[in-house]
N, C-alpha and C. Protein backbone atom coordinates (compact mmCIF):
# COMPACT_ATOMS: atom_id res chain seq x y z
N LYS A 1 -9.09 -1.60 -4.06
CA LYS A 1 -8.23 -2.41 -4.89
C LYS A 1 -7.32 -1.48 -5.69
N ILE A 2 -6.03 -1.72 -5.61
CA ILE A 2 -5.04 -0.91 -6.29
C ILE A 2 -4.54 -1.67 -7.52
N LEU A 3 -4.53 -1.00 -8.65
CA LEU A 3 -4.05 -1.61 -9.88
C LEU A 3 -2.59 -1.23 -10.13
N PHE A 4 -1.85 -2.15 -10.70
CA PHE A 4 -0.44 -1.91 -10.99
C PHE A 4 -0.26 -0.71 -11.91
N CYS A 5 -1.18 -0.56 -12.89
CA CYS A 5 -1.07 0.56 -13.83
C CYS A 5 -1.24 1.90 -13.11
N GLU A 6 -2.02 1.94 -12.02
CA GLU A 6 -2.16 3.16 -11.24
C GLU A 6 -0.83 3.56 -10.61
N LEU A 7 -0.12 2.56 -10.11
CA LEU A 7 1.18 2.82 -9.49
C LEU A 7 2.17 3.36 -10.52
N LEU A 8 2.20 2.74 -11.69
CA LEU A 8 3.11 3.20 -12.75
C LEU A 8 2.76 4.61 -13.21
N PHE A 9 1.47 4.85 -13.40
CA PHE A 9 1.02 6.18 -13.84
C PHE A 9 1.41 7.25 -12.82
N LEU A 10 1.20 6.97 -11.56
CA LEU A 10 1.52 7.94 -10.52
C LEU A 10 3.01 8.20 -10.44
N LYS A 11 3.82 7.17 -10.63
CA LYS A 11 5.28 7.37 -10.65
C LYS A 11 5.68 8.34 -11.77
N GLN A 12 5.17 8.07 -12.96
CA GLN A 12 5.50 8.94 -14.09
C GLN A 12 4.97 10.34 -13.89
N PHE A 13 3.75 10.45 -13.43
CA PHE A 13 3.13 11.75 -13.21
C PHE A 13 3.95 12.59 -12.23
N LEU A 14 4.33 12.00 -11.11
CA LEU A 14 5.10 12.75 -10.12
C LEU A 14 6.49 13.12 -10.65
N THR A 15 7.10 12.19 -11.35
CA THR A 15 8.44 12.45 -11.88
C THR A 15 8.43 13.67 -12.81
N PHE A 16 7.41 13.78 -13.63
CA PHE A 16 7.37 14.87 -14.61
C PHE A 16 6.76 16.16 -14.06
N ASN A 17 5.99 16.09 -12.99
CA ASN A 17 5.25 17.27 -12.53
C ASN A 17 5.61 17.74 -11.12
N ILE A 18 6.67 17.24 -10.55
CA ILE A 18 7.00 17.60 -9.17
C ILE A 18 7.38 19.08 -9.04
N LYS A 19 7.82 19.69 -10.12
CA LYS A 19 8.31 21.07 -10.05
C LYS A 19 7.40 22.05 -10.81
N THR A 20 6.11 21.85 -10.72
CA THR A 20 5.20 22.73 -11.43
C THR A 20 5.02 24.04 -10.66
N PHE A 21 4.75 25.11 -11.39
CA PHE A 21 4.62 26.43 -10.77
C PHE A 21 3.19 26.77 -10.38
N ASN A 22 2.22 26.03 -10.85
CA ASN A 22 0.82 26.31 -10.61
C ASN A 22 0.49 26.06 -9.13
N SER A 23 0.05 27.09 -8.42
CA SER A 23 -0.22 26.95 -6.99
C SER A 23 -1.42 26.04 -6.72
N ASN A 24 -2.40 26.07 -7.61
CA ASN A 24 -3.55 25.19 -7.46
C ASN A 24 -3.11 23.73 -7.52
N PHE A 25 -2.22 23.44 -8.43
CA PHE A 25 -1.66 22.10 -8.57
C PHE A 25 -0.91 21.70 -7.30
N ARG A 26 -0.08 22.61 -6.79
CA ARG A 26 0.71 22.32 -5.58
C ARG A 26 -0.18 22.05 -4.37
N GLN A 27 -1.37 22.64 -4.34
CA GLN A 27 -2.29 22.41 -3.23
C GLN A 27 -3.05 21.10 -3.39
N ASN A 28 -3.42 20.75 -4.61
CA ASN A 28 -4.26 19.58 -4.83
C ASN A 28 -3.51 18.26 -4.92
N VAL A 29 -2.30 18.27 -5.43
CA VAL A 29 -1.55 17.02 -5.60
C VAL A 29 -1.31 16.32 -4.26
N PRO A 30 -0.82 17.00 -3.24
CA PRO A 30 -0.62 16.28 -1.97
C PRO A 30 -1.92 15.71 -1.39
N ILE A 31 -3.03 16.40 -1.60
CA ILE A 31 -4.32 15.89 -1.11
C ILE A 31 -4.68 14.60 -1.83
N LYS A 32 -4.55 14.61 -3.15
CA LYS A 32 -4.88 13.42 -3.94
C LYS A 32 -3.91 12.27 -3.66
N ILE A 33 -2.64 12.58 -3.46
CA ILE A 33 -1.65 11.55 -3.11
C ILE A 33 -2.00 10.94 -1.76
N THR A 34 -2.42 11.76 -0.82
CA THR A 34 -2.82 11.26 0.50
C THR A 34 -4.02 10.33 0.37
N GLN A 35 -4.98 10.70 -0.46
CA GLN A 35 -6.14 9.83 -0.68
C GLN A 35 -5.71 8.49 -1.29
N PHE A 36 -4.79 8.54 -2.23
CA PHE A 36 -4.30 7.31 -2.86
C PHE A 36 -3.53 6.46 -1.85
N LEU A 37 -2.70 7.09 -1.03
CA LEU A 37 -1.96 6.35 -0.01
C LEU A 37 -2.91 5.73 1.02
N THR A 38 -4.00 6.40 1.30
CA THR A 38 -5.02 5.85 2.21
C THR A 38 -5.63 4.59 1.59
N ARG A 39 -5.88 4.64 0.29
CA ARG A 39 -6.38 3.43 -0.40
C ARG A 39 -5.37 2.29 -0.29
N ILE A 40 -4.10 2.61 -0.42
CA ILE A 40 -3.06 1.57 -0.32
C ILE A 40 -3.05 0.99 1.09
N ARG A 41 -3.10 1.85 2.09
CA ARG A 41 -3.10 1.37 3.48
C ARG A 41 -4.31 0.49 3.76
N ASP A 42 -5.47 0.91 3.28
CA ASP A 42 -6.68 0.12 3.48
C ASP A 42 -6.60 -1.21 2.72
N SER A 43 -5.95 -1.18 1.57
CA SER A 43 -5.75 -2.40 0.79
C SER A 43 -4.85 -3.37 1.55
N PHE A 44 -3.82 -2.86 2.23
CA PHE A 44 -2.96 -3.71 3.07
C PHE A 44 -3.80 -4.42 4.11
N SER A 45 -4.64 -3.68 4.79
CA SER A 45 -5.47 -4.26 5.85
C SER A 45 -6.39 -5.33 5.29
N GLN A 46 -6.99 -5.06 4.14
CA GLN A 46 -7.89 -6.02 3.53
C GLN A 46 -7.15 -7.28 3.11
N ILE A 47 -5.97 -7.13 2.52
CA ILE A 47 -5.19 -8.29 2.10
C ILE A 47 -4.81 -9.14 3.31
N GLU A 48 -4.36 -8.50 4.38
CA GLU A 48 -3.97 -9.25 5.57
C GLU A 48 -5.15 -10.01 6.17
N SER A 49 -6.34 -9.38 6.20
CA SER A 49 -7.50 -10.07 6.76
C SER A 49 -7.94 -11.21 5.84
N ASN A 50 -7.84 -11.04 4.52
CA ASN A 50 -8.21 -12.11 3.59
C ASN A 50 -7.25 -13.29 3.70
N VAL A 51 -5.96 -13.03 3.83
CA VAL A 51 -5.00 -14.11 3.99
C VAL A 51 -5.26 -14.84 5.30
N LYS A 52 -5.59 -14.09 6.34
CA LYS A 52 -5.91 -14.72 7.63
C LYS A 52 -7.15 -15.60 7.51
N LYS A 53 -8.17 -15.12 6.78
CA LYS A 53 -9.38 -15.94 6.56
C LYS A 53 -9.04 -17.21 5.81
N LEU A 54 -8.17 -17.09 4.79
CA LEU A 54 -7.78 -18.28 4.04
C LEU A 54 -7.08 -19.29 4.94
N ASN A 55 -6.22 -18.81 5.82
CA ASN A 55 -5.53 -19.69 6.75
C ASN A 55 -6.51 -20.32 7.74
N ASP A 56 -7.48 -19.53 8.21
CA ASP A 56 -8.49 -20.06 9.13
C ASP A 56 -9.35 -21.12 8.47
N LYS A 57 -9.72 -20.91 7.19
CA LYS A 57 -10.49 -21.92 6.46
C LYS A 57 -9.71 -23.22 6.36
N LYS A 58 -8.42 -23.10 6.11
CA LYS A 58 -7.59 -24.29 6.00
C LYS A 58 -7.59 -25.04 7.32
N ASN A 59 -7.44 -24.32 8.42
CA ASN A 59 -7.43 -24.96 9.73
C ASN A 59 -8.78 -25.58 10.05
N ASP A 60 -9.87 -24.91 9.69
CA ASP A 60 -11.21 -25.47 9.93
C ASP A 60 -11.40 -26.76 9.15
N LYS A 61 -10.97 -26.77 7.89
CA LYS A 61 -11.12 -27.97 7.07
C LYS A 61 -10.32 -29.13 7.66
N ASN A 62 -9.12 -28.83 8.16
CA ASN A 62 -8.28 -29.88 8.73
C ASN A 62 -8.88 -30.41 10.02
N ASN A 63 -9.54 -29.56 10.79
CA ASN A 63 -10.10 -29.97 12.08
C ASN A 63 -11.42 -30.71 11.94
N ARG A 64 -12.17 -30.48 10.86
CA ARG A 64 -13.47 -31.09 10.68
C ARG A 64 -13.40 -32.56 10.29
N GLY A 65 -12.37 -32.94 9.63
CA GLY A 65 -12.28 -34.34 9.22
C GLY A 65 -12.43 -34.47 7.72
N LYS A 66 -12.81 -35.63 7.28
CA LYS A 66 -12.86 -35.95 5.86
C LYS A 66 -14.27 -35.74 5.33
N GLY A 67 -14.54 -34.61 4.76
CA GLY A 67 -15.83 -34.36 4.13
C GLY A 67 -15.73 -34.47 2.62
N LYS A 68 -14.55 -34.29 2.10
CA LYS A 68 -14.34 -34.32 0.66
C LYS A 68 -13.28 -35.36 0.33
N GLY A 69 -13.22 -35.66 -0.94
CA GLY A 69 -12.20 -36.58 -1.40
C GLY A 69 -10.84 -35.93 -1.37
N LYS A 70 -9.82 -36.74 -1.44
CA LYS A 70 -8.45 -36.24 -1.37
C LYS A 70 -8.14 -35.30 -2.53
N GLU A 71 -8.63 -35.63 -3.72
CA GLU A 71 -8.37 -34.79 -4.89
C GLU A 71 -9.04 -33.42 -4.75
N GLU A 72 -10.26 -33.41 -4.23
CA GLU A 72 -10.97 -32.14 -4.03
C GLU A 72 -10.26 -31.28 -2.99
N GLU A 73 -9.78 -31.90 -1.93
CA GLU A 73 -9.05 -31.16 -0.90
C GLU A 73 -7.75 -30.58 -1.45
N GLU A 74 -7.05 -31.36 -2.27
CA GLU A 74 -5.80 -30.88 -2.87
C GLU A 74 -6.07 -29.71 -3.82
N GLU A 75 -7.15 -29.82 -4.60
CA GLU A 75 -7.51 -28.75 -5.53
C GLU A 75 -7.87 -27.47 -4.77
N GLU A 76 -8.62 -27.63 -3.69
CA GLU A 76 -9.00 -26.47 -2.88
C GLU A 76 -7.77 -25.83 -2.23
N GLU A 77 -6.87 -26.65 -1.76
CA GLU A 77 -5.63 -26.14 -1.16
C GLU A 77 -4.79 -25.41 -2.20
N ARG A 78 -4.73 -25.94 -3.43
CA ARG A 78 -3.98 -25.30 -4.50
C ARG A 78 -4.58 -23.93 -4.83
N ARG A 79 -5.92 -23.85 -4.88
CA ARG A 79 -6.58 -22.57 -5.15
C ARG A 79 -6.31 -21.56 -4.03
N ARG A 80 -6.35 -22.04 -2.79
CA ARG A 80 -6.07 -21.15 -1.65
C ARG A 80 -4.64 -20.61 -1.72
N MET A 81 -3.70 -21.49 -2.04
CA MET A 81 -2.30 -21.08 -2.13
C MET A 81 -2.10 -20.08 -3.27
N GLU A 82 -2.77 -20.32 -4.39
CA GLU A 82 -2.67 -19.41 -5.53
C GLU A 82 -3.24 -18.04 -5.18
N GLU A 83 -4.40 -18.04 -4.54
CA GLU A 83 -5.02 -16.77 -4.14
C GLU A 83 -4.15 -16.03 -3.13
N ARG A 84 -3.59 -16.75 -2.19
CA ARG A 84 -2.71 -16.14 -1.19
C ARG A 84 -1.49 -15.52 -1.87
N GLY A 85 -0.93 -16.23 -2.87
CA GLY A 85 0.23 -15.71 -3.60
C GLY A 85 -0.09 -14.45 -4.37
N ILE A 86 -1.27 -14.40 -5.00
CA ILE A 86 -1.68 -13.21 -5.74
C ILE A 86 -1.84 -12.03 -4.79
N ARG A 87 -2.46 -12.26 -3.66
CA ARG A 87 -2.67 -11.18 -2.69
C ARG A 87 -1.34 -10.67 -2.14
N GLU A 88 -0.44 -11.59 -1.85
CA GLU A 88 0.87 -11.19 -1.34
C GLU A 88 1.65 -10.40 -2.40
N ALA A 89 1.52 -10.78 -3.66
CA ALA A 89 2.21 -10.06 -4.74
C ALA A 89 1.67 -8.63 -4.86
N LYS A 90 0.35 -8.47 -4.75
CA LYS A 90 -0.24 -7.13 -4.81
C LYS A 90 0.23 -6.28 -3.64
N LYS A 91 0.29 -6.89 -2.47
CA LYS A 91 0.77 -6.16 -1.29
C LYS A 91 2.22 -5.74 -1.49
N GLU A 92 3.02 -6.62 -2.05
CA GLU A 92 4.43 -6.30 -2.29
C GLU A 92 4.59 -5.16 -3.29
N GLU A 93 3.77 -5.15 -4.35
CA GLU A 93 3.81 -4.05 -5.32
C GLU A 93 3.51 -2.72 -4.64
N CYS A 94 2.51 -2.72 -3.78
CA CYS A 94 2.15 -1.48 -3.08
C CYS A 94 3.25 -1.05 -2.12
N GLU A 95 3.84 -2.00 -1.41
CA GLU A 95 4.94 -1.67 -0.50
C GLU A 95 6.11 -1.07 -1.26
N GLU A 96 6.43 -1.66 -2.41
CA GLU A 96 7.53 -1.13 -3.22
C GLU A 96 7.22 0.29 -3.70
N PHE A 97 5.96 0.55 -4.05
CA PHE A 97 5.58 1.89 -4.49
C PHE A 97 5.76 2.89 -3.34
N VAL A 98 5.30 2.55 -2.15
CA VAL A 98 5.42 3.47 -1.02
C VAL A 98 6.89 3.73 -0.71
N GLU A 99 7.72 2.69 -0.79
CA GLU A 99 9.16 2.88 -0.58
C GLU A 99 9.76 3.79 -1.66
N TRP A 100 9.36 3.55 -2.93
CA TRP A 100 9.84 4.40 -4.02
C TRP A 100 9.40 5.84 -3.79
N LEU A 101 8.14 6.04 -3.44
CA LEU A 101 7.61 7.39 -3.23
C LEU A 101 8.35 8.10 -2.11
N ASN A 102 8.60 7.40 -1.02
CA ASN A 102 9.33 8.01 0.09
C ASN A 102 10.74 8.40 -0.33
N THR A 103 11.43 7.53 -1.04
CA THR A 103 12.77 7.84 -1.53
C THR A 103 12.74 9.01 -2.50
N PHE A 104 11.75 9.00 -3.39
CA PHE A 104 11.61 10.06 -4.38
C PHE A 104 11.44 11.43 -3.73
N VAL A 105 10.52 11.52 -2.77
CA VAL A 105 10.29 12.82 -2.14
C VAL A 105 11.46 13.24 -1.27
N MET A 106 12.12 12.30 -0.62
CA MET A 106 13.28 12.65 0.20
C MET A 106 14.44 13.14 -0.68
N ASN A 107 14.57 12.60 -1.88
CA ASN A 107 15.61 13.06 -2.80
C ASN A 107 15.32 14.44 -3.36
N ASN A 108 14.08 14.90 -3.24
CA ASN A 108 13.70 16.23 -3.72
C ASN A 108 13.75 17.29 -2.63
N ILE A 109 14.13 16.89 -1.43
CA ILE A 109 14.27 17.85 -0.33
C ILE A 109 15.76 18.00 -0.05
N TYR A 110 16.34 19.07 -0.56
CA TYR A 110 17.76 19.32 -0.37
C TYR A 110 17.97 20.83 -0.36
N PRO A 111 19.07 21.29 0.23
CA PRO A 111 19.31 22.73 0.24
C PRO A 111 19.40 23.29 -1.17
N GLY A 112 18.65 24.33 -1.42
CA GLY A 112 18.66 24.97 -2.72
C GLY A 112 17.66 24.39 -3.72
N SER A 113 16.88 23.38 -3.29
CA SER A 113 15.89 22.83 -4.22
C SER A 113 14.79 23.85 -4.45
N PRO A 114 14.15 23.81 -5.62
CA PRO A 114 13.09 24.76 -5.90
C PRO A 114 11.96 24.66 -4.88
N PHE A 115 11.38 25.80 -4.57
CA PHE A 115 10.32 25.89 -3.56
C PHE A 115 9.17 24.92 -3.88
N GLU A 116 8.76 24.87 -5.13
CA GLU A 116 7.63 24.04 -5.53
C GLU A 116 7.91 22.57 -5.23
N ARG A 117 9.10 22.13 -5.63
CA ARG A 117 9.50 20.74 -5.41
C ARG A 117 9.56 20.41 -3.93
N LYS A 118 10.12 21.34 -3.18
CA LYS A 118 10.30 21.12 -1.75
C LYS A 118 8.95 21.04 -1.02
N THR A 119 8.03 21.95 -1.32
CA THR A 119 6.76 21.97 -0.59
C THR A 119 5.92 20.72 -0.89
N ILE A 120 5.83 20.34 -2.16
CA ILE A 120 5.06 19.13 -2.49
C ILE A 120 5.70 17.91 -1.84
N SER A 121 7.02 17.82 -1.90
CA SER A 121 7.72 16.67 -1.33
C SER A 121 7.53 16.58 0.17
N ILE A 122 7.60 17.69 0.86
CA ILE A 122 7.42 17.68 2.32
C ILE A 122 6.00 17.25 2.68
N GLN A 123 5.01 17.75 1.95
CA GLN A 123 3.62 17.37 2.23
C GLN A 123 3.37 15.89 1.97
N ILE A 124 3.93 15.37 0.90
CA ILE A 124 3.76 13.95 0.59
C ILE A 124 4.48 13.10 1.64
N HIS A 125 5.67 13.51 2.04
CA HIS A 125 6.41 12.78 3.06
C HIS A 125 5.64 12.76 4.38
N GLU A 126 5.04 13.88 4.72
CA GLU A 126 4.23 13.95 5.94
C GLU A 126 3.06 12.96 5.87
N SER A 127 2.44 12.85 4.71
CA SER A 127 1.34 11.89 4.53
C SER A 127 1.82 10.46 4.71
N ILE A 128 2.98 10.16 4.14
CA ILE A 128 3.54 8.81 4.27
C ILE A 128 3.77 8.49 5.75
N LEU A 129 4.35 9.43 6.47
CA LEU A 129 4.60 9.20 7.89
C LEU A 129 3.31 9.03 8.67
N ASP A 130 2.33 9.86 8.39
CA ASP A 130 1.05 9.78 9.10
C ASP A 130 0.32 8.47 8.85
N LEU A 131 0.40 7.97 7.63
CA LEU A 131 -0.39 6.79 7.26
C LEU A 131 0.31 5.46 7.53
N PHE A 132 1.65 5.44 7.48
CA PHE A 132 2.33 4.16 7.54
C PHE A 132 3.22 3.94 8.75
N LEU A 133 3.45 4.98 9.54
CA LEU A 133 4.21 4.78 10.77
C LEU A 133 3.26 4.78 11.95
N PRO A 134 3.39 3.79 12.83
CA PRO A 134 2.51 3.78 13.99
C PRO A 134 2.84 4.93 14.93
N SER A 135 1.81 5.52 15.46
CA SER A 135 1.99 6.62 16.40
C SER A 135 2.05 6.07 17.82
N PRO A 136 3.01 6.54 18.62
CA PRO A 136 3.07 6.05 20.00
C PRO A 136 1.84 6.47 20.81
N PHE A 137 1.16 7.50 20.38
CA PHE A 137 -0.01 7.97 21.11
C PHE A 137 -1.25 7.16 20.80
N ASN A 138 -1.24 6.43 19.69
CA ASN A 138 -2.40 5.64 19.30
C ASN A 138 -2.24 4.16 19.65
N SER A 139 -1.12 3.78 20.21
CA SER A 139 -0.92 2.36 20.49
C SER A 139 -1.79 1.91 21.65
N LYS A 140 -2.14 0.63 21.65
CA LYS A 140 -3.02 0.08 22.67
C LYS A 140 -2.27 -0.18 23.98
N ASP A 141 -0.94 -0.17 23.91
CA ASP A 141 -0.14 -0.45 25.10
C ASP A 141 -0.10 0.72 26.06
N ASN A 142 -0.40 1.94 25.56
CA ASN A 142 -0.32 3.14 26.40
C ASN A 142 -1.67 3.47 27.02
N ASN A 143 -2.17 2.63 27.89
CA ASN A 143 -3.47 2.89 28.52
C ASN A 143 -3.35 3.76 29.71
C-alpha cells in the first residue's frame, strides 16, 4: 500500500538531494528508489485484481437472482462503486508520480550536467524502464 505522503516526501527528497557528493548516498538512493517503484508496480497489480474481483462480485450477484432487498442491493452497489473509485484514485496518484519521476530524471540528464546528478538519474531511469515497460523477451506471445 502506497501512501500519498510517501509520494510527496520522495518528490521533495529527490528534488533537494539529486546532486549530493556522498558516494554512499549515490549508491543507495537508486536501490531504495527501485524498491519503492517495485512497491508501486505491485500495488498496481493488486488494485487491478481487486477491481476485477469487485466487478466479478457484481456479475455474480446479478446472475444469482434476488437474494436481498432492492435497498440492500443498491447500498452494496454504492459501496462497491465507492471502493472502486478510491482504488482507481490511488492508482492514478501512483501513475502520476512515476510520470513525474521519469520526467524529473530525464531533465537531469543533459550535456554538462554534474556527474552525481547524471549517474543517479540514469540509474533511476533504468529502474523505471525495467519495472514499467514490458519486455519483448518476457511476453507470452513469443513462444
